[in-house]
Amino acid sequence: MVTAARKKGVKNWYNILAPKIFNQAQVGEAAAGSNEELVGRIIDTHFSELTGDITKQFIKLKLKVENVQGENALTDIIEYELSKQYLQRMIRRGTSKMEEIIDLNLKDKPVRIKILIITASKAQSSQRSSLRNALRTEVVKTFKSSDLNNLIITLASGKLQREILKKIKIVFPVRFLEVRKIEILNPKQIKKMVEPKIIEVIKEPEEIDEGPEEEIREIKKAVPEELAA
């Protein structure tokens, strides 16, 4: 439970409620001098706290207070993220780590989606490129018709990740695929947003023998610093 410290002179206490998709479970309490002061406040929580499913402790959520009704502060999800510790356990030697970042308009919100792929063995540059093309195509097809709340619930089940992995592994063997993070785009990011194109990948690319220098440069592009081994 997230409980704000009681401050001198503050008289109003509010119940922080999760979005309706989580049955408006109480996340905690917060003190504020007025409704307006509370709106916009950010609350960190975990998927397991909202659902009681302790197997999902690695899923972190950020909620934002959007409205206040009486003593209840109503929130929306603004960020979904997997813990660094969970992702690091999936990394193995002799594999390629790739991250694709996709900006996409869902049914209700524009979001930035960060997806981590770990291949079953080292992938050449051309194979990584084709994997990215296949991944972007499947993400657009699978995610675009969903709203953020329902997308997060489905991702927590692992269903969408399994469906996408099954379709892209025909390009190159993939051992692990996860949506590492989803965040709502701010106005500046929306202005620069480019809708991803759908590119059909029909066969596995030929392997290209690259030198060590080019290989290192490609890996640095693909792997976020915080997930690098």
Protein backbone atom coordinates (compact mmCIF):
# COMPACT_ATOMS: atom_id res chain seq x y z
CA MET A 1 0.00 0.00 0.00
CA VAL A 2 1.21 3.49 -0.86
CA THR A 3 0.41 5.86 1.98
CA ALA A 4 1.48 9.49 1.90
CA ALA A 5 2.91 10.97 5.09
CA ARG A 6 0.44 13.05 7.11
CA LYS A 7 1.42 16.71 6.81
CA LYS A 8 0.70 19.55 9.19
CA GLY A 9 -2.34 21.51 8.14
CA VAL A 10 -3.59 18.95 5.59
CA LYS A 11 -7.14 17.86 6.41
CA ASN A 12 -8.27 15.92 3.36
CA TRP A 13 -7.37 12.26 2.89
CA TYR A 14 -8.25 10.34 -0.25
CA ASN A 15 -8.41 6.70 -1.28
CA ILE A 16 -6.25 6.04 -4.36
CA LEU A 17 -8.14 3.62 -6.62
CA ALA A 18 -6.78 1.59 -9.52
CA PRO A 19 -8.50 1.76 -12.96
CA LYS A 20 -11.82 -0.07 -13.48
CA ILE A 21 -10.08 -2.94 -15.27
CA PHE A 22 -8.58 -3.77 -11.86
CA ASN A 23 -12.00 -3.41 -10.20
CA GLN A 24 -10.86 -0.10 -8.71
CA ALA A 25 -8.80 -1.88 -6.07
CA GLN A 26 -7.44 0.52 -3.46
CA VAL A 27 -3.76 1.23 -4.08
CA GLY A 28 -3.26 3.42 -1.05
CA GLU A 29 -4.10 6.76 0.54
CA ALA A 30 -2.89 10.28 -0.07
CA ALA A 31 -3.28 13.63 1.64
CA ALA A 32 -3.97 16.87 -0.23
CA GLY A 33 -5.28 20.33 0.50
CA SER A 34 -7.72 20.15 -2.42
CA ASN A 35 -8.92 17.93 -5.26
CA GLU A 36 -6.90 19.98 -7.73
CA GLU A 37 -3.71 19.39 -5.74
CA LEU A 38 -4.18 15.63 -6.00
CA VAL A 39 -4.89 15.45 -9.74
CA GLY A 40 -1.73 14.53 -11.65
CA ARG A 41 -0.07 12.71 -8.77
CA ILE A 42 1.88 9.58 -9.79
CA ILE A 43 1.65 6.29 -7.89
CA ASP A 44 4.05 3.37 -8.34
CA THR A 45 2.61 -0.10 -7.85
CA HIS A 46 2.89 -3.69 -9.08
CA PHE A 47 0.53 -5.83 -11.12
CA SER A 48 0.54 -8.39 -8.30
CA GLU A 49 -0.76 -5.80 -5.80
CA LEU A 50 -3.76 -5.05 -7.99
CA THR A 51 -4.62 -8.66 -8.89
CA GLY A 52 -3.28 -10.77 -6.03
CA ASP A 53 -1.25 -12.82 -8.54
CA ILE A 54 2.17 -13.11 -6.86
CA THR A 55 3.69 -14.67 -10.00
CA LYS A 56 3.46 -11.23 -11.66
CA GLN A 57 5.59 -9.33 -9.15
CA PHE A 58 8.05 -8.44 -11.93
CA ILE A 59 5.45 -6.23 -13.67
CA LYS A 60 5.58 -2.63 -12.50
CA LEU A 61 2.87 -0.04 -13.19
CA LYS A 62 2.68 3.73 -12.89
CA LEU A 63 -0.77 5.20 -12.22
CA LYS A 64 -1.76 8.84 -12.54
CA VAL A 65 -4.62 10.49 -10.68
CA GLU A 66 -6.96 11.85 -13.36
CA ASN A 67 -10.11 12.66 -11.40
CA VAL A 68 -11.38 12.98 -7.83
CA GLN A 69 -14.87 11.94 -6.78
CA GLY A 70 -15.62 12.62 -3.14
CA GLU A 71 -12.96 10.83 -1.09
CA ASN A 72 -11.80 8.68 -4.01
CA ALA A 73 -8.96 9.54 -6.40
CA LEU A 74 -9.41 7.74 -9.73
CA THR A 75 -6.36 6.76 -11.75
CA ASP A 76 -5.28 5.70 -15.24
CA ILE A 77 -2.26 3.60 -16.23
CA ILE A 78 0.51 5.69 -17.77
CA GLU A 79 3.37 3.16 -17.77
CA TYR A 80 3.99 -0.60 -17.83
CA GLU A 81 7.49 -1.95 -17.22
CA LEU A 82 9.19 -5.27 -16.45
CA SER A 83 11.82 -5.36 -13.74
CA LYS A 84 15.47 -5.34 -14.76
CA GLN A 85 16.17 -8.40 -12.60
CA TYR A 86 13.54 -10.47 -14.42
CA LEU A 87 14.93 -9.59 -17.85
CA GLN A 88 18.55 -10.19 -16.88
CA ARG A 89 17.73 -13.78 -15.93
CA MET A 90 16.75 -14.45 -19.55
CA ILE A 91 20.08 -13.42 -21.06
CA ARG A 92 22.50 -16.19 -22.07
CA ARG A 93 25.93 -16.30 -23.67
CA GLY A 94 26.08 -17.04 -27.36
CA THR A 95 22.87 -15.18 -28.13
CA SER A 96 21.99 -11.79 -29.65
CA LYS A 97 20.05 -9.23 -27.57
CA MET A 98 17.90 -6.87 -29.57
CA GLU A 99 15.52 -4.09 -28.61
CA GLU A 100 12.97 -2.54 -30.93
CA ILE A 101 11.21 0.73 -30.09
CA ILE A 102 7.85 1.28 -31.77
CA ASP A 103 5.61 4.35 -31.51
CA LEU A 104 2.02 3.38 -32.13
CA ASN A 105 -1.49 4.81 -31.84
CA LEU A 106 -3.62 2.43 -29.79
CA LYS A 107 -7.41 2.82 -29.78
CA ASP A 108 -7.22 5.32 -26.92
CA LYS A 109 -3.64 6.56 -26.55
CA PRO A 110 -0.38 7.07 -28.45
CA VAL A 111 2.32 4.95 -26.82
CA ARG A 112 5.98 4.01 -27.10
CA ILE A 113 6.52 0.24 -26.93
CA LYS A 114 9.95 -1.22 -26.12
CA ILE A 115 10.38 -4.88 -26.99
CA LEU A 116 13.30 -7.12 -26.06
CA ILE A 117 14.27 -10.11 -28.20
CA ILE A 118 16.90 -12.71 -27.34
CA THR A 119 17.76 -15.06 -30.18
CA ALA A 120 18.62 -18.74 -29.75
CA SER A 121 22.07 -18.14 -31.26
CA LYS A 122 24.14 -15.27 -32.62
CA ALA A 123 22.33 -13.46 -35.43
CA GLN A 124 24.00 -11.67 -38.32
CA SER A 125 23.15 -8.07 -39.20
CA SER A 126 20.80 -9.03 -42.05
CA GLN A 127 18.97 -11.49 -39.81
CA ARG A 128 18.53 -8.89 -37.06
CA SER A 129 17.16 -6.46 -39.63
CA SER A 130 14.62 -8.99 -40.89
CA LEU A 131 13.62 -9.89 -37.34
CA ARG A 132 12.92 -6.21 -36.64
CA ASN A 133 10.81 -5.88 -39.78
CA ALA A 134 8.81 -8.98 -38.89
CA LEU A 135 8.40 -7.81 -35.29
CA ARG A 136 7.13 -4.35 -36.25
CA THR A 137 4.64 -5.88 -38.66
CA GLU A 138 3.23 -8.25 -36.04
CA VAL A 139 3.09 -5.57 -33.32
CA VAL A 140 1.08 -3.24 -35.56
CA LYS A 141 -1.33 -6.02 -36.52
CA THR A 142 -1.72 -7.31 -32.95
CA PHE A 143 -1.66 -4.16 -30.79
CA LYS A 144 -3.31 -1.42 -32.84
CA SER A 145 -6.90 -2.54 -32.25
CA SER A 146 -6.47 -2.64 -28.46
CA ASP A 147 -6.71 0.05 -25.79
CA LEU A 148 -3.91 0.44 -23.25
CA ASN A 149 -5.64 -1.17 -20.25
CA ASN A 150 -6.73 -4.30 -22.10
CA LEU A 151 -3.35 -4.56 -23.81
CA ILE A 152 -1.59 -4.60 -20.44
CA ILE A 153 -3.90 -7.29 -19.07
CA THR A 154 -3.23 -9.48 -22.12
CA LEU A 155 0.52 -8.88 -21.98
CA ALA A 156 0.56 -9.92 -18.33
CA SER A 157 -0.86 -13.30 -19.39
CA GLY A 158 1.96 -13.74 -21.93
CA LYS A 159 -0.49 -14.57 -24.72
CA LEU A 160 0.47 -11.83 -27.17
CA GLN A 161 4.19 -12.40 -26.72
CA ARG A 162 3.78 -16.10 -27.51
CA GLU A 163 1.74 -15.33 -30.64
CA ILE A 164 4.30 -12.84 -31.95
CA LEU A 165 7.26 -15.09 -31.16
CA LYS A 166 5.65 -17.97 -33.04
CA LYS A 167 5.30 -15.82 -36.17
CA ILE A 168 8.73 -14.16 -36.21
CA LYS A 169 10.85 -17.20 -35.36
CA ILE A 170 10.45 -18.41 -38.97
CA VAL A 171 12.88 -15.59 -39.85
CA PHE A 172 15.48 -16.63 -37.26
CA PRO A 173 15.21 -18.78 -34.09
CA VAL A 174 14.11 -16.65 -31.13
CA ARG A 175 14.40 -17.94 -27.56
CA PHE A 176 12.75 -15.08 -25.68
CA LEU A 177 10.51 -12.11 -26.51
CA GLU A 178 9.00 -9.62 -24.08
CA VAL A 179 7.41 -6.19 -24.10
CA ARG A 180 9.86 -4.53 -21.74
CA LYS A 181 8.08 -1.20 -21.39
CA ILE A 182 5.06 0.78 -22.56
CA GLU A 183 4.76 4.49 -21.87
CA ILE A 184 2.33 7.15 -23.04
CA LEU A 185 3.86 9.63 -25.48
CA ASN A 186 4.00 13.29 -24.51
CA PRO A 187 2.92 16.07 -26.95
CA LYS A 188 6.48 16.66 -28.25
CA GLN A 189 6.95 12.96 -28.96
CA ILE A 190 3.57 12.78 -30.71
CA LYS A 191 4.58 15.56 -33.12
CA LYS A 192 7.66 13.55 -34.19
CA MET A 193 5.78 10.25 -34.27
CA VAL A 194 5.99 8.20 -37.46
CA GLU A 195 3.57 5.30 -37.86
CA PRO A 196 5.49 2.06 -38.46
CA LYS A 197 5.18 0.51 -41.91
CA ILE A 198 4.17 -3.09 -42.45
CA ILE A 199 6.89 -5.02 -44.27
CA GLU A 200 6.29 -8.59 -45.37
CA VAL A 201 9.14 -10.96 -44.60
CA ILE A 202 8.84 -14.11 -46.67
CA LYS A 203 12.08 -15.98 -46.07
CA GLU A 204 15.09 -16.14 -43.82
CA PRO A 205 17.86 -13.78 -44.97
CA GLU A 206 21.21 -15.07 -46.08
CA GLU A 207 23.95 -14.90 -43.50
CA ILE A 208 26.57 -12.21 -44.00
CA ASP A 209 29.98 -12.63 -42.44
CA GLU A 210 30.76 -9.34 -40.74
CA GLY A 211 33.92 -8.15 -39.04
CA PRO A 212 34.07 -7.68 -35.24
CA GLU A 213 33.94 -3.88 -35.43
CA GLU A 214 30.66 -3.81 -37.37
CA GLU A 215 29.19 -6.54 -35.17
CA ILE A 216 29.92 -4.53 -32.00
CA ARG A 217 28.40 -1.39 -33.56
CA GLU A 218 25.18 -3.25 -34.45
CA ILE A 219 24.85 -4.72 -30.96
CA LYS A 220 25.29 -1.31 -29.33
CA LYS A 221 22.47 0.02 -31.49
CA ALA A 222 20.17 -2.85 -30.58
CA VAL A 223 20.75 -3.17 -26.82
CA PRO A 224 19.72 -0.52 -24.28
CA GLU A 225 22.54 0.37 -21.89
CA GLU A 226 20.69 -0.77 -18.77
CA LEU A 227 20.12 -4.27 -20.25
CA ALA A 228 23.63 -4.77 -21.59
CA ALA A 229 25.40 -7.77 -20.06
